[in-house]
Amino acid sequence: MKAKLIAFAAAATLAIGVSSAWAQGALHQAEVLDTMNGGGYTYVQLKEADKTYWAAGPQTEVSKGDKVEVSEQMWMSDFKSSSLNRTFDKIMFVGDINKK
């Protein structure tokens, strides 16, 4: 019984560590090409090296030309924002948008 409890605790600790690492996501540093707010989110079109893409995160103050860092959470295809009445072909949802 004690061995099973120890094994369960170890597995739970590992799962929490893995989910925390996933939640933090990859960091991206980019320039804001366009931005808009809607439904409590800030949508930013970003240019990172030779890639341009849209990201959405918690509402924050950013302007065109700002350098930002975003933490990747997940990508979605054909995402419809009802607050903007717009569909994004592909968009990255992020945990935060930080000016650099």
PDB file of N, CA and C in Angstrom:
ATOM      1  N   MET A   1       0.818  -1.191   0.000  1.00  0.00           N
ATOM      2  CA  MET A   1       0.000   0.000   0.000  1.00  0.00           C
ATOM      3  C   MET A   1       0.864   1.257   0.000  1.00  0.00           C
ATOM      4  N   LYS A   2       1.887   1.260   0.855  1.00  0.00           N
ATOM      5  CA  LYS A   2       2.773   2.414   0.939  1.00  0.00           C
ATOM      6  C   LYS A   2       3.509   2.624  -0.389  1.00  0.00           C
ATOM      7  N   ALA A   3       3.959   1.544  -1.027  1.00  0.00           N
ATOM      8  CA  ALA A   3       4.664   1.643  -2.306  1.00  0.00           C
ATOM      9  C   ALA A   3       3.743   2.221  -3.381  1.00  0.00           C
ATOM     10  N   LYS A   4       2.471   1.807  -3.374  1.00  0.00           N
ATOM     11  CA  LYS A   4       1.517   2.346  -4.348  1.00  0.00           C
ATOM     12  C   LYS A   4       1.305   3.836  -4.129  1.00  0.00           C
ATOM     13  N   LEU A   5       1.226   4.264  -2.884  1.00  0.00           N
ATOM     14  CA  LEU A   5       1.048   5.669  -2.553  1.00  0.00           C
ATOM     15  C   LEU A   5       2.255   6.488  -3.007  1.00  0.00           C
ATOM     16  N   ILE A   6       3.445   5.970  -2.797  1.00  0.00           N
ATOM     17  CA  ILE A   6       4.663   6.656  -3.227  1.00  0.00           C
ATOM     18  C   ILE A   6       4.705   6.741  -4.750  1.00  0.00           C
ATOM     19  N   ALA A   7       4.359   5.667  -5.439  1.00  0.00           N
ATOM     20  CA  ALA A   7       4.342   5.673  -6.903  1.00  0.00           C
ATOM     21  C   ALA A   7       3.314   6.674  -7.423  1.00  0.00           C
ATOM     22  N   PHE A   8       2.139   6.731  -6.794  1.00  0.00           N
ATOM     23  CA  PHE A   8       1.109   7.688  -7.203  1.00  0.00           C
ATOM     24  C   PHE A   8       1.593   9.121  -7.007  1.00  0.00           C
ATOM     25  N   ALA A   9       2.222   9.400  -5.860  1.00  0.00           N
ATOM     26  CA  ALA A   9       2.729  10.748  -5.574  1.00  0.00           C
ATOM     27  C   ALA A   9       3.796  11.144  -6.593  1.00  0.00           C
ATOM     28  N   ALA A  10       4.668  10.202  -6.946  1.00  0.00           N
ATOM     29  CA  ALA A  10       5.708  10.484  -7.939  1.00  0.00           C
ATOM     30  C   ALA A  10       5.095  10.782  -9.308  1.00  0.00           C
ATOM     31  N   ALA A  11       4.099  10.003  -9.701  1.00  0.00           N
ATOM     32  CA  ALA A  11       3.433  10.220 -10.988  1.00  0.00           C
ATOM     33  C   ALA A  11       2.706  11.561 -11.002  1.00  0.00           C
ATOM     34  N   ALA A  12       2.053  11.920  -9.906  1.00  0.00           N
ATOM     35  CA  ALA A  12       1.353  13.202  -9.815  1.00  0.00           C
ATOM     36  C   ALA A  12       2.333  14.360  -9.906  1.00  0.00           C
ATOM     37  N   THR A  13       3.465  14.249  -9.229  1.00  0.00           N
ATOM     38  CA  THR A  13       4.491  15.291  -9.277  1.00  0.00           C
ATOM     39  C   THR A  13       5.023  15.455 -10.694  1.00  0.00           C
ATOM     40  N   LEU A  14       5.273  14.356 -11.375  1.00  0.00           N
ATOM     41  CA  LEU A  14       5.745  14.403 -12.756  1.00  0.00           C
ATOM     42  C   LEU A  14       4.697  15.054 -13.660  1.00  0.00           C
ATOM     43  N   ALA A  15       3.437  14.692 -13.491  1.00  0.00           N
ATOM     44  CA  ALA A  15       2.366  15.262 -14.319  1.00  0.00           C
ATOM     45  C   ALA A  15       2.252  16.758 -14.106  1.00  0.00           C
ATOM     46  N   ILE A  16       2.367  17.208 -12.861  1.00  0.00           N
ATOM     47  CA  ILE A  16       2.302  18.648 -12.576  1.00  0.00           C
ATOM     48  C   ILE A  16       3.478  19.357 -13.226  1.00  0.00           C
ATOM     49  N   GLY A  17       4.650  18.782 -13.159  1.00  0.00           N
ATOM     50  CA  GLY A  17       5.838  19.383 -13.780  1.00  0.00           C
ATOM     51  C   GLY A  17       5.700  19.480 -15.283  1.00  0.00           C
ATOM     52  N   VAL A  18       5.185  18.431 -15.915  1.00  0.00           N
ATOM     53  CA  VAL A  18       5.005  18.431 -17.367  1.00  0.00           C
ATOM     54  C   VAL A  18       3.957  19.455 -17.764  1.00  0.00           C
ATOM     55  N   SER A  19       2.834  19.522 -17.044  1.00  0.00           N
ATOM     56  CA  SER A  19       1.790  20.475 -17.409  1.00  0.00           C
ATOM     57  C   SER A  19       2.250  21.901 -17.177  1.00  0.00           C
ATOM     58  N   SER A  20       3.078  22.145 -16.157  1.00  0.00           N
ATOM     59  CA  SER A  20       3.600  23.494 -15.918  1.00  0.00           C
ATOM     60  C   SER A  20       4.534  23.909 -17.040  1.00  0.00           C
ATOM     61  N   ALA A  21       5.367  22.993 -17.506  1.00  0.00           N
ATOM     62  CA  ALA A  21       6.271  23.300 -18.614  1.00  0.00           C
ATOM     63  C   ALA A  21       5.472  23.585 -19.875  1.00  0.00           C
ATOM     64  N   TRP A  22       4.414  22.805 -20.122  1.00  0.00           N
ATOM     65  CA  TRP A  22       3.576  23.036 -21.293  1.00  0.00           C
ATOM     66  C   TRP A  22       2.886  24.388 -21.193  1.00  0.00           C
ATOM     67  N   ALA A  23       2.386  24.715 -19.989  1.00  0.00           N
ATOM     68  CA  ALA A  23       1.640  25.952 -19.804  1.00  0.00           C
ATOM     69  C   ALA A  23       2.511  27.168 -20.072  1.00  0.00           C
ATOM     70  N   GLN A  24       3.801  27.081 -19.763  1.00  0.00           N
ATOM     71  CA  GLN A  24       4.677  28.219 -19.981  1.00  0.00           C
ATOM     72  C   GLN A  24       4.902  28.432 -21.476  1.00  0.00           C
ATOM     73  N   GLY A  25       5.034  27.386 -22.237  1.00  0.00           N
ATOM     74  CA  GLY A  25       5.160  27.472 -23.685  1.00  0.00           C
ATOM     75  C   GLY A  25       6.459  28.100 -24.156  1.00  0.00           C
ATOM     76  N   ALA A  26       6.655  28.014 -25.473  1.00  0.00           N
ATOM     77  CA  ALA A  26       7.829  28.604 -26.107  1.00  0.00           C
ATOM     78  C   ALA A  26       7.692  30.117 -26.115  1.00  0.00           C
ATOM     79  N   LEU A  27       8.797  30.806 -25.949  1.00  0.00           N
ATOM     80  CA  LEU A  27       8.792  32.264 -25.995  1.00  0.00           C
ATOM     81  C   LEU A  27       9.136  32.745 -27.398  1.00  0.00           C
ATOM     82  N   HIS A  28       8.400  33.744 -27.856  1.00  0.00           N
ATOM     83  CA  HIS A  28       8.632  34.343 -29.164  1.00  0.00           C
ATOM     84  C   HIS A  28       8.850  35.839 -28.979  1.00  0.00           C
ATOM     85  N   GLN A  29       9.861  36.394 -29.635  1.00  0.00           N
ATOM     86  CA  GLN A  29      10.102  37.831 -29.628  1.00  0.00           C
ATOM     87  C   GLN A  29       9.832  38.331 -31.029  1.00  0.00           C
ATOM     88  N   ALA A  30       8.987  39.375 -31.133  1.00  0.00           N
ATOM     89  CA  ALA A  30       8.547  39.828 -32.442  1.00  0.00           C
ATOM     90  C   ALA A  30       8.174  41.306 -32.405  1.00  0.00           C
ATOM     91  N   GLU A  31       7.918  41.849 -33.598  1.00  0.00           N
ATOM     92  CA  GLU A  31       7.474  43.233 -33.750  1.00  0.00           C
ATOM     93  C   GLU A  31       5.982  43.240 -34.077  1.00  0.00           C
ATOM     94  N   VAL A  32       5.249  44.164 -33.471  1.00  0.00           N
ATOM     95  CA  VAL A  32       3.811  44.295 -33.718  1.00  0.00           C
ATOM     96  C   VAL A  32       3.591  45.034 -35.035  1.00  0.00           C
ATOM     97  N   LEU A  33       2.935  44.362 -35.991  1.00  0.00           N
ATOM     98  CA  LEU A  33       2.600  44.985 -37.269  1.00  0.00           C
ATOM     99  C   LEU A  33       1.201  45.596 -37.245  1.00  0.00           C
ATOM    100  N   ASP A  34       0.303  44.981 -36.469  1.00  0.00           N
ATOM    101  CA  ASP A  34      -1.076  45.453 -36.361  1.00  0.00           C
ATOM    102  C   ASP A  34      -1.620  44.964 -35.028  1.00  0.00           C
ATOM    103  N   THR A  35      -2.605  45.667 -34.476  1.00  0.00           N
ATOM    104  CA  THR A  35      -3.191  45.259 -33.211  1.00  0.00           C
ATOM    105  C   THR A  35      -4.633  45.731 -33.112  1.00  0.00           C
ATOM    106  N   MET A  36      -5.436  44.958 -32.383  1.00  0.00           N
ATOM    107  CA  MET A  36      -6.832  45.322 -32.125  1.00  0.00           C
ATOM    108  C   MET A  36      -7.295  44.599 -30.875  1.00  0.00           C
ATOM    109  N   ASN A  37      -8.272  45.170 -30.203  1.00  0.00           N
ATOM    110  CA  ASN A  37      -8.831  44.560 -28.994  1.00  0.00           C
ATOM    111  C   ASN A  37     -10.266  44.141 -29.253  1.00  0.00           C
ATOM    112  N   GLY A  38     -10.669  43.050 -28.634  1.00  0.00           N
ATOM    113  CA  GLY A  38     -12.050  42.599 -28.737  1.00  0.00           C
ATOM    114  C   GLY A  38     -12.320  41.462 -27.779  1.00  0.00           C
ATOM    115  N   GLY A  39     -13.442  41.526 -27.087  1.00  0.00           N
ATOM    116  CA  GLY A  39     -13.851  40.440 -26.200  1.00  0.00           C
ATOM    117  C   GLY A  39     -12.888  40.169 -25.066  1.00  0.00           C
ATOM    118  N   GLY A  40     -12.162  41.188 -24.602  1.00  0.00           N
ATOM    119  CA  GLY A  40     -11.219  40.995 -23.505  1.00  0.00           C
ATOM    120  C   GLY A  40      -9.851  40.499 -23.934  1.00  0.00           C
ATOM    121  N   TYR A  41      -9.640  40.389 -25.242  1.00  0.00           N
ATOM    122  CA  TYR A  41      -8.359  39.920 -25.776  1.00  0.00           C
ATOM    123  C   TYR A  41      -7.702  41.005 -26.612  1.00  0.00           C
ATOM    124  N   THR A  42      -6.383  40.949 -26.682  1.00  0.00           N
ATOM    125  CA  THR A  42      -5.626  41.764 -27.628  1.00  0.00           C
ATOM    126  C   THR A  42      -5.137  40.832 -28.719  1.00  0.00           C
ATOM    127  N   TYR A  43      -5.420  41.213 -29.951  1.00  0.00           N
ATOM    128  CA  TYR A  43      -4.967  40.471 -31.135  1.00  0.00           C
ATOM    129  C   TYR A  43      -3.817  41.261 -31.735  1.00  0.00           C
ATOM    130  N   VAL A  44      -2.708  40.592 -32.001  1.00  0.00           N
ATOM    131  CA  VAL A  44      -1.546  41.254 -32.584  1.00  0.00           C
ATOM    132  C   VAL A  44      -1.053  40.467 -33.790  1.00  0.00           C
ATOM    133  N   GLN A  45      -0.769  41.204 -34.850  1.00  0.00           N
ATOM    134  CA  GLN A  45      -0.098  40.580 -35.988  1.00  0.00           C
ATOM    135  C   GLN A  45       1.383  40.800 -35.742  1.00  0.00           C
ATOM    136  N   LEU A  46       2.139  39.715 -35.719  1.00  0.00           N
ATOM    137  CA  LEU A  46       3.545  39.771 -35.347  1.00  0.00           C
ATOM    138  C   LEU A  46       4.459  39.388 -36.496  1.00  0.00           C
ATOM    139  N   LYS A  47       5.640  40.010 -36.501  1.00  0.00           N
ATOM    140  CA  LYS A  47       6.698  39.639 -37.450  1.00  0.00           C
ATOM    141  C   LYS A  47       7.882  39.172 -36.622  1.00  0.00           C
ATOM    142  N   GLU A  48       8.221  37.894 -36.814  1.00  0.00           N
ATOM    143  CA  GLU A  48       9.343  37.279 -36.103  1.00  0.00           C
ATOM    144  C   GLU A  48      10.270  36.690 -37.150  1.00  0.00           C
ATOM    145  N   ALA A  49      11.450  37.289 -37.277  1.00  0.00           N
ATOM    146  CA  ALA A  49      12.402  36.885 -38.326  1.00  0.00           C
ATOM    147  C   ALA A  49      11.697  36.978 -39.676  1.00  0.00           C
ATOM    148  N   ASP A  50      11.551  35.857 -40.381  1.00  0.00           N
ATOM    149  CA  ASP A  50      10.924  35.888 -41.707  1.00  0.00           C
ATOM    150  C   ASP A  50       9.474  35.402 -41.679  1.00  0.00           C
ATOM    151  N   LYS A  51       8.877  35.271 -40.465  1.00  0.00           N
ATOM    152  CA  LYS A  51       7.497  34.789 -40.331  1.00  0.00           C
ATOM    153  C   LYS A  51       6.582  35.912 -39.872  1.00  0.00           C
ATOM    154  N   THR A  52       5.367  35.919 -40.401  1.00  0.00           N
ATOM    155  CA  THR A  52       4.320  36.840 -39.941  1.00  0.00           C
ATOM    156  C   THR A  52       3.124  35.998 -39.539  1.00  0.00           C
ATOM    157  N   TYR A  53       2.558  36.275 -38.353  1.00  0.00           N
ATOM    158  CA  TYR A  53       1.427  35.490 -37.860  1.00  0.00           C
ATOM    159  C   TYR A  53       0.626  36.328 -36.871  1.00  0.00           C
ATOM    160  N   TRP A  54      -0.591  35.860 -36.575  1.00  0.00           N
ATOM    161  CA  TRP A  54      -1.455  36.505 -35.586  1.00  0.00           C
ATOM    162  C   TRP A  54      -1.366  35.760 -34.265  1.00  0.00           C
ATOM    163  N   ALA A  55      -1.462  36.529 -33.170  1.00  0.00           N
ATOM    164  CA  ALA A  55      -1.500  35.963 -31.826  1.00  0.00           C
ATOM    165  C   ALA A  55      -2.582  36.692 -31.034  1.00  0.00           C
ATOM    166  N   ALA A  56      -3.127  36.027 -30.051  1.00  0.00           N
ATOM    167  CA  ALA A  56      -4.131  36.632 -29.176  1.00  0.00           C
ATOM    168  C   ALA A  56      -3.831  36.268 -27.734  1.00  0.00           C
ATOM    169  N   GLY A  57      -3.977  37.253 -26.863  1.00  0.00           N
ATOM    170  CA  GLY A  57      -3.733  37.027 -25.449  1.00  0.00           C
ATOM    171  C   GLY A  57      -4.544  37.978 -24.610  1.00  0.00           C
ATOM    172  N   PRO A  58      -4.330  37.977 -23.300  1.00  0.00           N
ATOM    173  CA  PRO A  58      -5.072  38.870 -22.418  1.00  0.00           C
ATOM    174  C   PRO A  58      -4.919  40.324 -22.880  1.00  0.00           C
ATOM    175  N   GLN A  59      -5.996  41.094 -22.733  1.00  0.00           N
ATOM    176  CA  GLN A  59      -5.978  42.472 -23.223  1.00  0.00           C
ATOM    177  C   GLN A  59      -4.851  43.254 -22.575  1.00  0.00           C
ATOM    178  N   THR A  60      -4.089  43.943 -23.423  1.00  0.00           N
ATOM    179  CA  THR A  60      -2.943  44.726 -22.977  1.00  0.00           C
ATOM    180  C   THR A  60      -2.738  45.886 -23.933  1.00  0.00           C
ATOM    181  N   GLU A  61      -2.017  46.897 -23.501  1.00  0.00           N
ATOM    182  CA  GLU A  61      -1.737  48.064 -24.327  1.00  0.00           C
ATOM    183  C   GLU A  61      -0.481  47.818 -25.158  1.00  0.00           C
ATOM    184  N   VAL A  62      -0.647  47.712 -26.455  1.00  0.00           N
ATOM    185  CA  VAL A  62       0.480  47.622 -27.378  1.00  0.00           C
ATOM    186  C   VAL A  62       0.155  48.458 -28.603  1.00  0.00           C
ATOM    187  N   SER A  63       1.191  48.880 -29.306  1.00  0.00           N
ATOM    188  CA  SER A  63       1.028  49.700 -30.505  1.00  0.00           C
ATOM    189  C   SER A  63       1.844  49.122 -31.642  1.00  0.00           C
ATOM    190  N   LYS A  64       1.479  49.507 -32.856  1.00  0.00           N
ATOM    191  CA  LYS A  64       2.264  49.102 -34.020  1.00  0.00           C
ATOM    192  C   LYS A  64       3.698  49.553 -33.812  1.00  0.00           C
ATOM    193  N   GLY A  65       4.630  48.670 -34.144  1.00  0.00           N
ATOM    194  CA  GLY A  65       6.053  48.976 -33.993  1.00  0.00           C
ATOM    195  C   GLY A  65       6.649  48.530 -32.673  1.00  0.00           C
ATOM    196  N   ASP A  66       5.807  48.235 -31.668  1.00  0.00           N
ATOM    197  CA  ASP A  66       6.327  47.753 -30.383  1.00  0.00           C
ATOM    198  C   ASP A  66       7.017  46.407 -30.563  1.00  0.00           C
ATOM    199  N   LYS A  67       8.051  46.183 -29.789  1.00  0.00           N
ATOM    200  CA  LYS A  67       8.699  44.879 -29.699  1.00  0.00           C
ATOM    201  C   LYS A  67       8.056  44.164 -28.510  1.00  0.00           C
ATOM    202  N   VAL A  68       7.622  42.931 -28.729  1.00  0.00           N
ATOM    203  CA  VAL A  68       6.946  42.187 -27.670  1.00  0.00           C
ATOM    204  C   VAL A  68       7.516  40.779 -27.550  1.00  0.00           C
ATOM    205  N   GLU A  69       7.228  40.176 -26.411  1.00  0.00           N
ATOM    206  CA  GLU A  69       7.534  38.771 -26.176  1.00  0.00           C
ATOM    207  C   GLU A  69       6.224  38.100 -25.795  1.00  0.00           C
ATOM    208  N   VAL A  70       5.943  36.974 -26.420  1.00  0.00           N
ATOM    209  CA  VAL A  70       4.718  36.225 -26.128  1.00  0.00           C
ATOM    210  C   VAL A  70       5.089  34.792 -25.771  1.00  0.00           C
ATOM    211  N   SER A  71       4.280  34.198 -24.889  1.00  0.00           N
ATOM    212  CA  SER A  71       4.515  32.804 -24.501  1.00  0.00           C
ATOM    213  C   SER A  71       3.436  31.943 -25.155  1.00  0.00           C
ATOM    214  N   GLU A  72       3.865  31.098 -26.052  1.00  0.00           N
ATOM    215  CA  GLU A  72       2.968  30.252 -26.843  1.00  0.00           C
ATOM    216  C   GLU A  72       2.209  29.264 -25.965  1.00  0.00           C
ATOM    217  N   GLN A  73       0.880  29.173 -26.219  1.00  0.00           N
ATOM    218  CA  GLN A  73       0.047  28.200 -25.526  1.00  0.00           C
ATOM    219  C   GLN A  73      -0.487  27.154 -26.509  1.00  0.00           C
ATOM    220  N   MET A  74      -1.161  27.629 -27.575  1.00  0.00           N
ATOM    221  CA  MET A  74      -1.664  26.698 -28.590  1.00  0.00           C
ATOM    222  C   MET A  74      -1.998  27.452 -29.870  1.00  0.00           C
ATOM    223  N   TRP A  75      -1.993  26.712 -30.961  1.00  0.00           N
ATOM    224  CA  TRP A  75      -2.377  27.240 -32.272  1.00  0.00           C
ATOM    225  C   TRP A  75      -3.783  26.762 -32.613  1.00  0.00           C
ATOM    226  N   MET A  76      -4.536  27.618 -33.288  1.00  0.00           N
ATOM    227  CA  MET A  76      -5.858  27.226 -33.775  1.00  0.00           C
ATOM    228  C   MET A  76      -5.981  27.635 -35.240  1.00  0.00           C
ATOM    229  N   SER A  77      -6.650  26.811 -36.009  1.00  0.00           N
ATOM    230  CA  SER A  77      -6.926  27.106 -37.417  1.00  0.00           C
ATOM    231  C   SER A  77      -8.385  27.511 -37.562  1.00  0.00           C
ATOM    232  N   ASP A  78      -8.640  28.397 -38.523  1.00  0.00           N
ATOM    233  CA  ASP A  78     -10.000  28.862 -38.817  1.00  0.00           C
ATOM    234  C   ASP A  78     -10.723  29.333 -37.558  1.00  0.00           C
ATOM    235  N   PHE A  79     -10.041  30.159 -36.752  1.00  0.00           N
ATOM    236  CA  PHE A  79     -10.628  30.675 -35.511  1.00  0.00           C
ATOM    237  C   PHE A  79     -11.502  31.882 -35.809  1.00  0.00           C
ATOM    238  N   LYS A  80     -12.771  31.810 -35.415  1.00  0.00           N
ATOM    239  CA  LYS A  80     -13.703  32.925 -35.625  1.00  0.00           C
ATOM    240  C   LYS A  80     -13.831  33.723 -34.339  1.00  0.00           C
ATOM    241  N   SER A  81     -13.462  34.992 -34.415  1.00  0.00           N
ATOM    242  CA  SER A  81     -13.651  35.911 -33.302  1.00  0.00           C
ATOM    243  C   SER A  81     -14.982  36.622 -33.526  1.00  0.00           C
ATOM    244  N   SER A  82     -15.956  36.301 -32.693  1.00  0.00           N
ATOM    245  CA  SER A  82     -17.272  36.935 -32.855  1.00  0.00           C
ATOM    246  C   SER A  82     -17.217  38.411 -32.476  1.00  0.00           C
ATOM    247  N   SER A  83     -16.351  38.783 -31.530  1.00  0.00           N
ATOM    248  CA  SER A  83     -16.257  40.187 -31.127  1.00  0.00           C
ATOM    249  C   SER A  83     -15.643  41.057 -32.221  1.00  0.00           C
ATOM    250  N   LEU A  84     -14.776  40.482 -33.055  1.00  0.00           N
ATOM    251  CA  LEU A  84     -14.170  41.228 -34.166  1.00  0.00           C
ATOM    252  C   LEU A  84     -14.877  40.955 -35.486  1.00  0.00           C
ATOM    253  N   ASN A  85     -15.805  39.974 -35.484  1.00  0.00           N
ATOM    254  CA  ASN A  85     -16.487  39.556 -36.714  1.00  0.00           C
ATOM    255  C   ASN A  85     -15.452  39.228 -37.798  1.00  0.00           C
ATOM    256  N   ARG A  86     -14.494  38.376 -37.397  1.00  0.00           N
ATOM    257  CA  ARG A  86     -13.374  38.049 -38.288  1.00  0.00           C
ATOM    258  C   ARG A  86     -12.927  36.618 -38.031  1.00  0.00           C
ATOM    259  N   THR A  87     -12.513  35.954 -39.089  1.00  0.00           N
ATOM    260  CA  THR A  87     -11.954  34.612 -38.967  1.00  0.00           C
ATOM    261  C   THR A  87     -10.470  34.673 -39.296  1.00  0.00           C
ATOM    262  N   PHE A  88      -9.657  34.114 -38.420  1.00  0.00           N
ATOM    263  CA  PHE A  88      -8.209  34.045 -38.618  1.00  0.00           C
ATOM    264  C   PHE A  88      -7.876  32.667 -39.175  1.00  0.00           C
ATOM    265  N   ASP A  89      -7.152  32.616 -40.280  1.00  0.00           N
ATOM    266  CA  ASP A  89      -6.753  31.330 -40.878  1.00  0.00           C
ATOM    267  C   ASP A  89      -5.998  30.483 -39.853  1.00  0.00           C
ATOM    268  N   LYS A  90      -5.058  31.122 -39.158  1.00  0.00           N
ATOM    269  CA  LYS A  90      -4.257  30.446 -38.142  1.00  0.00           C
ATOM    270  C   LYS A  90      -3.865  31.500 -37.116  1.00  0.00           C
ATOM    271  N   ILE A  91      -4.030  31.170 -35.838  1.00  0.00           N
ATOM    272  CA  ILE A  91      -3.708  32.125 -34.774  1.00  0.00           C
ATOM    273  C   ILE A  91      -3.113  31.384 -33.587  1.00  0.00           C
ATOM    274  N   MET A  92      -2.138  32.027 -32.951  1.00  0.00           N
ATOM    275  CA  MET A  92      -1.505  31.459 -31.771  1.00  0.00           C
ATOM    276  C   MET A  92      -2.102  32.130 -30.537  1.00  0.00           C
ATOM    277  N   PHE A  93      -2.612  31.338 -29.604  1.00  0.00           N
ATOM    278  CA  PHE A  93      -3.068  31.885 -28.340  1.00  0.00           C
ATOM    279  C   PHE A  93      -1.892  31.863 -27.377  1.00  0.00           C
ATOM    280  N   VAL A  94      -1.736  32.970 -26.642  1.00  0.00           N
ATOM    281  CA  VAL A  94      -0.577  33.139 -25.795  1.00  0.00           C
ATOM    282  C   VAL A  94      -1.001  33.428 -24.361  1.00  0.00           C
ATOM    283  N   GLY A  95      -0.109  33.125 -23.438  1.00  0.00           N
ATOM    284  CA  GLY A  95      -0.383  33.368 -22.034  1.00  0.00           C
ATOM    285  C   GLY A  95      -0.262  34.827 -21.649  1.00  0.00           C
ATOM    286  N   ASP A  96       0.580  35.565 -22.354  1.00  0.00           N
ATOM    287  CA  ASP A  96       0.740  36.992 -22.095  1.00  0.00           C
ATOM    288  C   ASP A  96       1.436  37.666 -23.270  1.00  0.00           C
ATOM    289  N   ILE A  97       1.295  38.968 -23.315  1.00  0.00           N
ATOM    290  CA  ILE A  97       1.953  39.803 -24.323  1.00  0.00           C
ATOM    291  C   ILE A  97       2.723  40.858 -23.545  1.00  0.00           C
ATOM    292  N   ASN A  98       4.044  40.792 -23.604  1.00  0.00           N
ATOM    293  CA  ASN A  98       4.883  41.721 -22.836  1.00  0.00           C
ATOM    294  C   ASN A  98       5.710  42.605 -23.753  1.00  0.00           C
ATOM    295  N   LYS A  99       5.634  43.916 -23.540  1.00  0.00           N
ATOM    296  CA  LYS A  99       6.485  44.853 -24.301  1.00  0.00           C
ATOM    297  C   LYS A  99       7.920  44.679 -23.864  1.00  0.00           C
ATOM    298  N   LYS A 100       8.827  44.793 -24.823  1.00  0.00           N
ATOM    299  CA  LYS A 100      10.266  44.683 -24.520  1.00  0.00           C
ATOM    300  C   LYS A 100      10.958  45.980 -24.827  1.00  0.00           C
TER     301      LYS A 100
END
